[in-house]
Amino acid sequence: MATNESYLSGFRVNRSMLAGGAVLTGVGAVLGAAGAAMVCAALATAGRDWVRSREIPPTVLAQRALREARVASSAGWQAWRAEHSSPN
């Protein structure tokens, strides 16, 4: 029996290959996490630059859309009440 193998109910494990695979998996996970962090940083920077380059700030656009939605909702409610309150 080789020194780097163990027997457990007939299951042979090459310990050096197992350790090497674990090390490579760990290194790959660290590199993957570093790559994901770089991608997120690049996207955040690009998004921030895009927002700053806009003529109208996003908050103003959101306020305008909310105001329009409220007006449309009020108009719809008034139309519904006019339709359902009339005697037919």
C-alpha atoms as a PDB file:
ATOM      1  CA  MET A   1       0.000   0.000   0.000  1.00  0.00           C
ATOM      2  CA  ALA A   2       1.312   3.447  -0.907  1.00  0.00           C
ATOM      3  CA  THR A   3       1.818   5.955   1.871  1.00  0.00           C
ATOM      4  CA  ASN A   4      -0.477   8.582   0.352  1.00  0.00           C
ATOM      5  CA  GLU A   5      -3.492   6.306   0.073  1.00  0.00           C
ATOM      6  CA  SER A   6      -5.884   5.201   2.765  1.00  0.00           C
ATOM      7  CA  TYR A   7      -8.486   2.480   2.742  1.00  0.00           C
ATOM      8  CA  LEU A   8     -11.914   3.116   4.157  1.00  0.00           C
ATOM      9  CA  SER A   9     -14.263   0.256   3.415  1.00  0.00           C
ATOM     10  CA  GLY A  10     -12.516  -0.338   0.087  1.00  0.00           C
ATOM     11  CA  PHE A  11     -12.572   3.364  -0.917  1.00  0.00           C
ATOM     12  CA  ARG A  12      -9.090   4.500  -1.969  1.00  0.00           C
ATOM     13  CA  VAL A  13      -8.272   8.198  -1.716  1.00  0.00           C
ATOM     14  CA  ASN A  14      -5.128   9.728  -3.119  1.00  0.00           C
ATOM     15  CA  ARG A  15      -4.494  12.347  -0.439  1.00  0.00           C
ATOM     16  CA  SER A  16      -2.008  14.427  -2.392  1.00  0.00           C
ATOM     17  CA  MET A  17      -4.398  14.729  -5.339  1.00  0.00           C
ATOM     18  CA  LEU A  18      -7.254  15.553  -2.969  1.00  0.00           C
ATOM     19  CA  ALA A  19      -5.197  18.262  -1.244  1.00  0.00           C
ATOM     20  CA  GLY A  20      -4.053  19.685  -4.581  1.00  0.00           C
ATOM     21  CA  GLY A  21      -7.618  19.836  -5.824  1.00  0.00           C
ATOM     22  CA  ALA A  22      -8.744  21.568  -2.646  1.00  0.00           C
ATOM     23  CA  VAL A  23      -5.966  24.155  -2.968  1.00  0.00           C
ATOM     24  CA  LEU A  24      -6.794  24.826  -6.620  1.00  0.00           C
ATOM     25  CA  THR A  25     -10.492  25.131  -5.779  1.00  0.00           C
ATOM     26  CA  GLY A  26      -9.685  27.652  -3.047  1.00  0.00           C
ATOM     27  CA  VAL A  27      -7.456  29.689  -5.343  1.00  0.00           C
ATOM     28  CA  GLY A  28     -10.137  29.641  -8.041  1.00  0.00           C
ATOM     29  CA  ALA A  29     -12.770  30.814  -5.560  1.00  0.00           C
ATOM     30  CA  VAL A  30     -10.565  33.712  -4.427  1.00  0.00           C
ATOM     31  CA  LEU A  31      -9.833  34.711  -8.022  1.00  0.00           C
ATOM     32  CA  GLY A  32     -13.510  34.475  -8.934  1.00  0.00           C
ATOM     33  CA  ALA A  33     -14.504  36.658  -5.984  1.00  0.00           C
ATOM     34  CA  ALA A  34     -11.832  39.213  -6.900  1.00  0.00           C
ATOM     35  CA  GLY A  35     -13.072  39.274 -10.489  1.00  0.00           C
ATOM     36  CA  ALA A  36     -16.673  39.730  -9.392  1.00  0.00           C
ATOM     37  CA  ALA A  37     -15.633  42.622  -7.116  1.00  0.00           C
ATOM     38  CA  MET A  38     -13.814  44.297 -10.017  1.00  0.00           C
ATOM     39  CA  VAL A  39     -16.853  43.931 -12.282  1.00  0.00           C
ATOM     40  CA  CYS A  40     -19.138  45.415  -9.614  1.00  0.00           C
ATOM     41  CA  ALA A  41     -16.771  48.342  -9.045  1.00  0.00           C
ATOM     42  CA  ALA A  42     -16.561  49.054 -12.783  1.00  0.00           C
ATOM     43  CA  LEU A  43     -20.357  48.928 -13.191  1.00  0.00           C
ATOM     44  CA  ALA A  44     -20.926  51.148 -10.160  1.00  0.00           C
ATOM     45  CA  THR A  45     -18.459  53.726 -11.473  1.00  0.00           C
ATOM     46  CA  ALA A  46     -20.028  53.690 -14.933  1.00  0.00           C
ATOM     47  CA  GLY A  47     -23.522  54.024 -13.480  1.00  0.00           C
ATOM     48  CA  ARG A  48     -22.492  56.906 -11.253  1.00  0.00           C
ATOM     49  CA  ASP A  49     -20.883  58.707 -14.204  1.00  0.00           C
ATOM     50  CA  TRP A  50     -23.984  58.123 -16.346  1.00  0.00           C
ATOM     51  CA  VAL A  51     -26.295  59.565 -13.672  1.00  0.00           C
ATOM     52  CA  ARG A  52     -24.048  62.622 -13.275  1.00  0.00           C
ATOM     53  CA  SER A  53     -24.082  63.238 -17.040  1.00  0.00           C
ATOM     54  CA  ARG A  54     -27.880  63.404 -17.241  1.00  0.00           C
ATOM     55  CA  GLU A  55     -29.472  66.819 -17.864  1.00  0.00           C
ATOM     56  CA  ILE A  56     -32.397  66.048 -15.565  1.00  0.00           C
ATOM     57  CA  PRO A  57     -31.556  64.266 -12.290  1.00  0.00           C
ATOM     58  CA  PRO A  58     -33.273  60.909 -11.677  1.00  0.00           C
ATOM     59  CA  THR A  59     -35.046  62.307  -8.594  1.00  0.00           C
ATOM     60  CA  VAL A  60     -36.790  64.937 -10.730  1.00  0.00           C
ATOM     61  CA  LEU A  61     -37.828  62.269 -13.239  1.00  0.00           C
ATOM     62  CA  ALA A  62     -39.182  60.089 -10.434  1.00  0.00           C
ATOM     63  CA  GLN A  63     -41.140  62.993  -8.932  1.00  0.00           C
ATOM     64  CA  ARG A  64     -42.599  63.812 -12.358  1.00  0.00           C
ATOM     65  CA  ALA A  65     -43.635  60.198 -12.939  1.00  0.00           C
ATOM     66  CA  LEU A  66     -45.233  59.996  -9.488  1.00  0.00           C
ATOM     67  CA  ARG A  67     -47.171  63.213 -10.099  1.00  0.00           C
ATOM     68  CA  GLU A  68     -48.394  61.900 -13.477  1.00  0.00           C
ATOM     69  CA  ALA A  69     -49.425  58.595 -11.896  1.00  0.00           C
ATOM     70  CA  ARG A  70     -51.401  60.422  -9.209  1.00  0.00           C
ATOM     71  CA  VAL A  71     -53.190  62.569 -11.819  1.00  0.00           C
ATOM     72  CA  ALA A  72     -54.019  59.483 -13.911  1.00  0.00           C
ATOM     73  CA  SER A  73     -55.263  57.614 -10.853  1.00  0.00           C
ATOM     74  CA  SER A  74     -57.452  60.522  -9.817  1.00  0.00           C
ATOM     75  CA  ALA A  75     -58.891  60.824 -13.329  1.00  0.00           C
ATOM     76  CA  GLY A  76     -59.618  57.103 -13.447  1.00  0.00           C
ATOM     77  CA  TRP A  77     -61.273  57.200 -10.036  1.00  0.00           C
ATOM     78  CA  GLN A  78     -63.448  60.161 -11.030  1.00  0.00           C
ATOM     79  CA  ALA A  79     -64.475  58.443 -14.262  1.00  0.00           C
ATOM     80  CA  TRP A  80     -65.361  55.255 -12.390  1.00  0.00           C
ATOM     81  CA  ARG A  81     -67.405  57.164  -9.819  1.00  0.00           C
ATOM     82  CA  ALA A  82     -69.210  59.090 -12.576  1.00  0.00           C
ATOM     83  CA  GLU A  83     -70.043  55.838 -14.369  1.00  0.00           C
ATOM     84  CA  HIS A  84     -71.217  53.949 -11.300  1.00  0.00           C
ATOM     85  CA  SER A  85     -73.059  56.699  -9.483  1.00  0.00           C
ATOM     86  CA  SER A  86     -75.354  57.604 -12.398  1.00  0.00           C
ATOM     87  CA  PRO A  87     -78.784  55.979 -12.290  1.00  0.00           C
ATOM     88  CA  ASN A  88     -79.209  53.602 -15.215  1.00  0.00           C
END
